[in-house]
Amino acid sequence: MNATTVLQQTIPAAGDREVRDTLLDLARRSIAHGLRHGRPLPPPLAGQAPFLAEHRASFVTLTRHGQLRGCIGRLEAVRPLGADVADNAFAAAFRDPRFAPLGHEEFGQLRLTVAVLTPPEPLPVRDEIELLARLEPGEHGLILELGAHRATFLPKVWEQLPEPAEFLAHLKRKAGLPADYWNEAMRFSVYRSIDYSEDGD
């Protein structure tokens, strides 16, 4: 079962184009609202697309001139998709600690991507060799957890890191661990996503 099939099980009434346009418009309107009012767009009103009420996890990624400008999201579905996208879009623009808050002059230069995630599934492995063999490049998002260390890469990151060993090494460093580190206590989970981008990618 691929990611599109899983997502369509919870968003059965909307075609891809409708979902894409609705989510991207919501994300952009939330950023515009943040520029004016300093807070995310309020929760969608009744009567909007029904799939926005489904509890889903999402990430919103902002790029400017082809470079990352912010990326915020959550891995657990704890609120309606509409609220999740609106809040994550605002946070990606104004609360990503890697970047200064977005300025008005940058708004028109942004390109947005909304990733809607499938629920994470545990991936028990005996060692790194087995982990690398079970990863599906281009498909799997990966979560690494070890005590206070936790990090994830969205499936889209495979575009920059197409080799599983390289993908994993960079994820370890993101989690604050050495690239060659291994500990049997490390836990891994995988998920998939459907990405909706303003540029159509």
C-alpha atoms as a PDB file:
ATOM      1  CA  MET A   1       0.000   0.000   0.000  1.00  0.00           C
ATOM      2  CA  ASN A   2       1.558   3.283  -1.053  1.00  0.00           C
ATOM      3  CA  ALA A   3       1.360   6.655   0.663  1.00  0.00           C
ATOM      4  CA  THR A   4      -1.342   7.977  -1.660  1.00  0.00           C
ATOM      5  CA  THR A   5      -3.582   5.006  -0.857  1.00  0.00           C
ATOM      6  CA  VAL A   6      -3.082   5.448   2.885  1.00  0.00           C
ATOM      7  CA  LEU A   7      -3.868   9.159   2.714  1.00  0.00           C
ATOM      8  CA  GLN A   8      -6.917   8.650   0.540  1.00  0.00           C
ATOM      9  CA  GLN A   9      -8.350   6.323   3.165  1.00  0.00           C
ATOM     10  CA  THR A  10      -8.758   9.363   5.420  1.00  0.00           C
ATOM     11  CA  ILE A  11      -9.324  11.957   2.689  1.00  0.00           C
ATOM     12  CA  PRO A  12     -11.686   9.980   0.457  1.00  0.00           C
ATOM     13  CA  ALA A  13     -13.681  12.768  -1.123  1.00  0.00           C
ATOM     14  CA  ALA A  14     -10.943  15.003  -2.515  1.00  0.00           C
ATOM     15  CA  GLY A  15      -8.775  14.564  -5.573  1.00  0.00           C
ATOM     16  CA  ASP A  16      -5.084  15.401  -5.488  1.00  0.00           C
ATOM     17  CA  ARG A  17      -5.544  18.826  -7.115  1.00  0.00           C
ATOM     18  CA  GLU A  18      -8.183  19.893  -4.625  1.00  0.00           C
ATOM     19  CA  VAL A  19      -6.118  18.708  -1.680  1.00  0.00           C
ATOM     20  CA  ARG A  20      -2.993  20.407  -3.032  1.00  0.00           C
ATOM     21  CA  ASP A  21      -4.648  23.745  -3.717  1.00  0.00           C
ATOM     22  CA  THR A  22      -6.518  23.790  -0.413  1.00  0.00           C
ATOM     23  CA  LEU A  23      -3.509  22.931   1.757  1.00  0.00           C
ATOM     24  CA  LEU A  24      -1.109  25.312   0.014  1.00  0.00           C
ATOM     25  CA  ASP A  25      -3.617  28.163   0.113  1.00  0.00           C
ATOM     26  CA  LEU A  26      -4.189  27.554   3.815  1.00  0.00           C
ATOM     27  CA  ALA A  27      -0.453  27.524   4.550  1.00  0.00           C
ATOM     28  CA  ARG A  28       0.192  30.722   2.594  1.00  0.00           C
ATOM     29  CA  ARG A  29      -2.777  32.521   4.153  1.00  0.00           C
ATOM     30  CA  SER A  30      -1.522  31.583   7.621  1.00  0.00           C
ATOM     31  CA  ILE A  31       1.890  33.103   6.885  1.00  0.00           C
ATOM     32  CA  ALA A  32       0.255  36.263   5.518  1.00  0.00           C
ATOM     33  CA  HIS A  33      -1.911  36.425   8.639  1.00  0.00           C
ATOM     34  CA  GLY A  34       1.239  36.051  10.740  1.00  0.00           C
ATOM     35  CA  LEU A  35       2.889  38.981   8.988  1.00  0.00           C
ATOM     36  CA  ARG A  36      -0.129  41.162   9.759  1.00  0.00           C
ATOM     37  CA  HIS A  37      -1.137  39.937  13.208  1.00  0.00           C
ATOM     38  CA  GLY A  38       1.788  37.975  14.672  1.00  0.00           C
ATOM     39  CA  ARG A  39      -0.157  34.747  15.064  1.00  0.00           C
ATOM     40  CA  PRO A  40      -1.306  31.829  12.882  1.00  0.00           C
ATOM     41  CA  LEU A  41      -4.542  31.802  10.951  1.00  0.00           C
ATOM     42  CA  PRO A  42      -7.420  30.745  13.261  1.00  0.00           C
ATOM     43  CA  PRO A  43      -8.815  27.206  12.821  1.00  0.00           C
ATOM     44  CA  PRO A  44     -10.751  26.749   9.561  1.00  0.00           C
ATOM     45  CA  LEU A  45     -14.429  27.568   9.721  1.00  0.00           C
ATOM     46  CA  ALA A  46     -17.204  25.040   9.265  1.00  0.00           C
ATOM     47  CA  GLY A  47     -18.067  24.432   5.654  1.00  0.00           C
ATOM     48  CA  GLN A  48     -14.491  24.157   4.416  1.00  0.00           C
ATOM     49  CA  ALA A  49     -13.065  20.988   2.883  1.00  0.00           C
ATOM     50  CA  PRO A  50     -13.997  18.014   5.108  1.00  0.00           C
ATOM     51  CA  PHE A  51     -10.503  16.509   4.979  1.00  0.00           C
ATOM     52  CA  LEU A  52      -9.201  19.506   6.932  1.00  0.00           C
ATOM     53  CA  ALA A  53     -11.034  18.109   9.963  1.00  0.00           C
ATOM     54  CA  GLU A  54      -9.223  14.751   9.786  1.00  0.00           C
ATOM     55  CA  HIS A  55      -6.539  14.294  12.420  1.00  0.00           C
ATOM     56  CA  ARG A  56      -3.301  14.156  10.422  1.00  0.00           C
ATOM     57  CA  ALA A  57       0.334  15.066  11.018  1.00  0.00           C
ATOM     58  CA  SER A  58       2.053  17.467   8.655  1.00  0.00           C
ATOM     59  CA  PHE A  59       5.209  19.430   7.932  1.00  0.00           C
ATOM     60  CA  VAL A  60       5.438  22.746   6.115  1.00  0.00           C
ATOM     61  CA  THR A  61       8.675  23.564   4.298  1.00  0.00           C
ATOM     62  CA  LEU A  62       9.579  27.002   2.985  1.00  0.00           C
ATOM     63  CA  THR A  63      12.245  27.644   0.364  1.00  0.00           C
ATOM     64  CA  ARG A  64      13.490  30.929  -1.060  1.00  0.00           C
ATOM     65  CA  HIS A  65      15.624  31.070  -4.200  1.00  0.00           C
ATOM     66  CA  GLY A  66      15.998  27.293  -3.938  1.00  0.00           C
ATOM     67  CA  GLN A  67      17.356  27.416  -0.377  1.00  0.00           C
ATOM     68  CA  LEU A  68      15.650  26.219   2.793  1.00  0.00           C
ATOM     69  CA  ARG A  69      13.965  29.097   4.636  1.00  0.00           C
ATOM     70  CA  GLY A  70      12.098  27.163   7.329  1.00  0.00           C
ATOM     71  CA  CYS A  71      10.640  23.756   8.083  1.00  0.00           C
ATOM     72  CA  ILE A  72       8.404  22.897  11.008  1.00  0.00           C
ATOM     73  CA  GLY A  73       5.979  20.074  11.659  1.00  0.00           C
ATOM     74  CA  ARG A  74       4.984  17.246  13.910  1.00  0.00           C
ATOM     75  CA  LEU A  75       5.085  13.477  13.576  1.00  0.00           C
ATOM     76  CA  GLU A  76       1.998  12.646  15.615  1.00  0.00           C
ATOM     77  CA  ALA A  77      -1.543  13.389  14.508  1.00  0.00           C
ATOM     78  CA  VAL A  78      -2.911  15.269  17.524  1.00  0.00           C
ATOM     79  CA  ARG A  79      -5.213  17.823  15.890  1.00  0.00           C
ATOM     80  CA  PRO A  80      -7.178  18.455  12.695  1.00  0.00           C
ATOM     81  CA  LEU A  81      -5.098  18.741   9.550  1.00  0.00           C
ATOM     82  CA  GLY A  82      -6.259  22.290   8.876  1.00  0.00           C
ATOM     83  CA  ALA A  83      -5.072  23.532  12.258  1.00  0.00           C
ATOM     84  CA  ASP A  84      -1.836  21.571  11.956  1.00  0.00           C
ATOM     85  CA  VAL A  85      -0.965  23.052   8.557  1.00  0.00           C
ATOM     86  CA  ALA A  86      -1.874  26.602   9.595  1.00  0.00           C
ATOM     87  CA  ASP A  87       0.204  26.439  12.779  1.00  0.00           C
ATOM     88  CA  ASN A  88       3.154  24.702  11.127  1.00  0.00           C
ATOM     89  CA  ALA A  89       3.226  27.229   8.281  1.00  0.00           C
ATOM     90  CA  PHE A  90       3.299  30.087  10.782  1.00  0.00           C
ATOM     91  CA  ALA A  91       6.000  28.356  12.830  1.00  0.00           C
ATOM     92  CA  ALA A  92       8.138  27.611   9.768  1.00  0.00           C
ATOM     93  CA  ALA A  93       8.024  31.301   8.824  1.00  0.00           C
ATOM     94  CA  PHE A  94       8.522  32.849  12.240  1.00  0.00           C
ATOM     95  CA  ARG A  95       9.700  30.277  14.801  1.00  0.00           C
ATOM     96  CA  ASP A  96      12.265  28.044  13.111  1.00  0.00           C
ATOM     97  CA  PRO A  97      15.309  28.646  15.371  1.00  0.00           C
ATOM     98  CA  ARG A  98      17.680  28.270  12.420  1.00  0.00           C
ATOM     99  CA  PHE A  99      16.368  31.416  10.742  1.00  0.00           C
ATOM    100  CA  ALA A 100      15.335  34.971  11.531  1.00  0.00           C
ATOM    101  CA  PRO A 101      11.578  35.577  11.438  1.00  0.00           C
ATOM    102  CA  LEU A 102      10.272  36.050   7.907  1.00  0.00           C
ATOM    103  CA  GLY A 103      10.146  39.613   6.612  1.00  0.00           C
ATOM    104  CA  HIS A 104       7.406  41.146   4.475  1.00  0.00           C
ATOM    105  CA  GLU A 105       9.796  41.501   1.539  1.00  0.00           C
ATOM    106  CA  GLU A 106      10.413  37.735   1.482  1.00  0.00           C
ATOM    107  CA  PHE A 107       6.802  36.613   1.357  1.00  0.00           C
ATOM    108  CA  GLY A 108       6.380  36.809  -2.402  1.00  0.00           C
ATOM    109  CA  GLN A 109       9.654  34.907  -2.933  1.00  0.00           C
ATOM    110  CA  LEU A 110       8.639  31.868  -0.898  1.00  0.00           C
ATOM    111  CA  ARG A 111       7.813  28.458  -2.306  1.00  0.00           C
ATOM    112  CA  LEU A 112       5.770  26.244   0.015  1.00  0.00           C
ATOM    113  CA  THR A 113       5.523  22.496   0.375  1.00  0.00           C
ATOM    114  CA  VAL A 114       3.010  20.789   2.657  1.00  0.00           C
ATOM    115  CA  ALA A 115       3.821  17.182   3.521  1.00  0.00           C
ATOM    116  CA  VAL A 116       1.002  15.078   4.969  1.00  0.00           C
ATOM    117  CA  LEU A 117       2.392  12.103   6.862  1.00  0.00           C
ATOM    118  CA  THR A 118       1.231   8.560   7.408  1.00  0.00           C
ATOM    119  CA  PRO A 119       1.421   7.320  11.024  1.00  0.00           C
ATOM    120  CA  PRO A 120       4.958   6.234  12.016  1.00  0.00           C
ATOM    121  CA  GLU A 121       5.532   2.496  12.235  1.00  0.00           C
ATOM    122  CA  PRO A 122       8.288   0.930  14.378  1.00  0.00           C
ATOM    123  CA  LEU A 123      11.169  -0.568  12.418  1.00  0.00           C
ATOM    124  CA  PRO A 124      12.941  -3.058  14.705  1.00  0.00           C
ATOM    125  CA  VAL A 125      16.404  -3.995  13.453  1.00  0.00           C
ATOM    126  CA  ARG A 126      19.306  -5.993  14.849  1.00  0.00           C
ATOM    127  CA  ASP A 127      22.061  -3.799  13.485  1.00  0.00           C
ATOM    128  CA  GLU A 128      22.860  -1.002  11.080  1.00  0.00           C
ATOM    129  CA  ILE A 129      23.297  -3.382   8.161  1.00  0.00           C
ATOM    130  CA  GLU A 130      19.715  -4.581   8.539  1.00  0.00           C
ATOM    131  CA  LEU A 131      18.458  -1.014   8.924  1.00  0.00           C
ATOM    132  CA  LEU A 132      20.139   0.117   5.717  1.00  0.00           C
ATOM    133  CA  ALA A 133      18.773  -2.899   3.863  1.00  0.00           C
ATOM    134  CA  ARG A 134      15.193  -2.208   4.973  1.00  0.00           C
ATOM    135  CA  LEU A 135      15.123   1.500   4.182  1.00  0.00           C
ATOM    136  CA  GLU A 136      13.271   2.443   0.998  1.00  0.00           C
ATOM    137  CA  PRO A 137      15.049   5.419  -0.603  1.00  0.00           C
ATOM    138  CA  GLY A 138      12.661   8.078  -1.786  1.00  0.00           C
ATOM    139  CA  GLU A 139       9.774   6.570   0.167  1.00  0.00           C
ATOM    140  CA  HIS A 140      10.635   6.287   3.856  1.00  0.00           C
ATOM    141  CA  GLY A 141      10.817   9.116   6.318  1.00  0.00           C
ATOM    142  CA  LEU A 142      12.967   7.956   9.218  1.00  0.00           C
ATOM    143  CA  ILE A 143      12.777   8.742  12.935  1.00  0.00           C
ATOM    144  CA  LEU A 144      15.757   8.030  15.201  1.00  0.00           C
ATOM    145  CA  GLU A 145      15.339   7.983  18.981  1.00  0.00           C
ATOM    146  CA  LEU A 146      17.888   7.365  21.741  1.00  0.00           C
ATOM    147  CA  GLY A 147      17.196   8.862  25.138  1.00  0.00           C
ATOM    148  CA  ALA A 148      17.104  12.632  24.694  1.00  0.00           C
ATOM    149  CA  HIS A 149      18.345  12.308  21.123  1.00  0.00           C
ATOM    150  CA  ARG A 150      15.573  12.450  18.524  1.00  0.00           C
ATOM    151  CA  ALA A 151      15.562  13.480  14.897  1.00  0.00           C
ATOM    152  CA  THR A 152      13.741  12.806  11.660  1.00  0.00           C
ATOM    153  CA  PHE A 153      14.263  13.228   7.945  1.00  0.00           C
ATOM    154  CA  LEU A 154      11.251  13.575   5.676  1.00  0.00           C
ATOM    155  CA  PRO A 155      11.162  11.358   2.583  1.00  0.00           C
ATOM    156  CA  LYS A 156      11.983  14.420   0.457  1.00  0.00           C
ATOM    157  CA  VAL A 157      15.478  14.497   2.016  1.00  0.00           C
ATOM    158  CA  TRP A 158      16.372  11.479  -0.130  1.00  0.00           C
ATOM    159  CA  GLU A 159      16.630  13.953  -3.025  1.00  0.00           C
ATOM    160  CA  GLN A 160      19.738  15.425  -1.377  1.00  0.00           C
ATOM    161  CA  LEU A 161      20.980  12.214   0.284  1.00  0.00           C
ATOM    162  CA  PRO A 162      20.083   9.340  -2.057  1.00  0.00           C
ATOM    163  CA  GLU A 163      22.338   6.683  -0.482  1.00  0.00           C
ATOM    164  CA  PRO A 164      20.945   4.952   2.643  1.00  0.00           C
ATOM    165  CA  ALA A 165      24.286   5.058   4.503  1.00  0.00           C
ATOM    166  CA  GLU A 166      24.657   8.776   3.826  1.00  0.00           C
ATOM    167  CA  PHE A 167      21.025   9.424   4.726  1.00  0.00           C
ATOM    168  CA  LEU A 168      21.455   7.643   8.061  1.00  0.00           C
ATOM    169  CA  ALA A 169      24.795   9.293   8.858  1.00  0.00           C
ATOM    170  CA  HIS A 170      23.335  12.761   8.398  1.00  0.00           C
ATOM    171  CA  LEU A 171      20.300  11.850  10.486  1.00  0.00           C
ATOM    172  CA  LYS A 172      22.562  10.724  13.319  1.00  0.00           C
ATOM    173  CA  ARG A 173      24.392  14.037  13.207  1.00  0.00           C
ATOM    174  CA  LYS A 174      21.068  15.884  13.227  1.00  0.00           C
ATOM    175  CA  ALA A 175      20.209  13.956  16.403  1.00  0.00           C
ATOM    176  CA  GLY A 176      23.513  15.038  17.983  1.00  0.00           C
ATOM    177  CA  LEU A 177      25.274  11.700  17.529  1.00  0.00           C
ATOM    178  CA  PRO A 178      28.459  10.809  15.626  1.00  0.00           C
ATOM    179  CA  ALA A 179      27.869   9.658  12.054  1.00  0.00           C
ATOM    180  CA  ASP A 180      29.395   6.240  12.758  1.00  0.00           C
ATOM    181  CA  TYR A 181      27.635   5.729  16.088  1.00  0.00           C
ATOM    182  CA  TRP A 182      25.572   2.628  16.821  1.00  0.00           C
ATOM    183  CA  ASN A 183      23.787   1.571  19.974  1.00  0.00           C
ATOM    184  CA  GLU A 184      21.400  -1.361  20.309  1.00  0.00           C
ATOM    185  CA  ALA A 185      19.095   0.893  22.322  1.00  0.00           C
ATOM    186  CA  MET A 186      18.425   3.126  19.310  1.00  0.00           C
ATOM    187  CA  ARG A 187      14.841   2.952  18.094  1.00  0.00           C
ATOM    188  CA  PHE A 188      13.723   3.632  14.553  1.00  0.00           C
ATOM    189  CA  SER A 189      10.363   4.283  12.960  1.00  0.00           C
ATOM    190  CA  VAL A 190       9.403   4.914   9.355  1.00  0.00           C
ATOM    191  CA  TYR A 191       6.582   6.799   7.721  1.00  0.00           C
ATOM    192  CA  ARG A 192       5.633   8.050   4.283  1.00  0.00           C
ATOM    193  CA  SER A 193       4.358  11.369   3.063  1.00  0.00           C
ATOM    194  CA  ILE A 194       2.456  12.935   0.233  1.00  0.00           C
ATOM    195  CA  ASP A 195       4.015  16.256  -0.739  1.00  0.00           C
ATOM    196  CA  TYR A 196       2.032  19.141  -2.190  1.00  0.00           C
ATOM    197  CA  SER A 197       4.275  21.882  -3.595  1.00  0.00           C
ATOM    198  CA  GLU A 198       3.500  25.240  -5.121  1.00  0.00           C
ATOM    199  CA  ASP A 199       5.966  24.551  -7.921  1.00  0.00           C
ATOM    200  CA  GLY A 200       4.263  21.231  -8.688  1.00  0.00           C
ATOM    201  CA  ASP A 201       7.210  19.083  -7.614  1.00  0.00           C
END
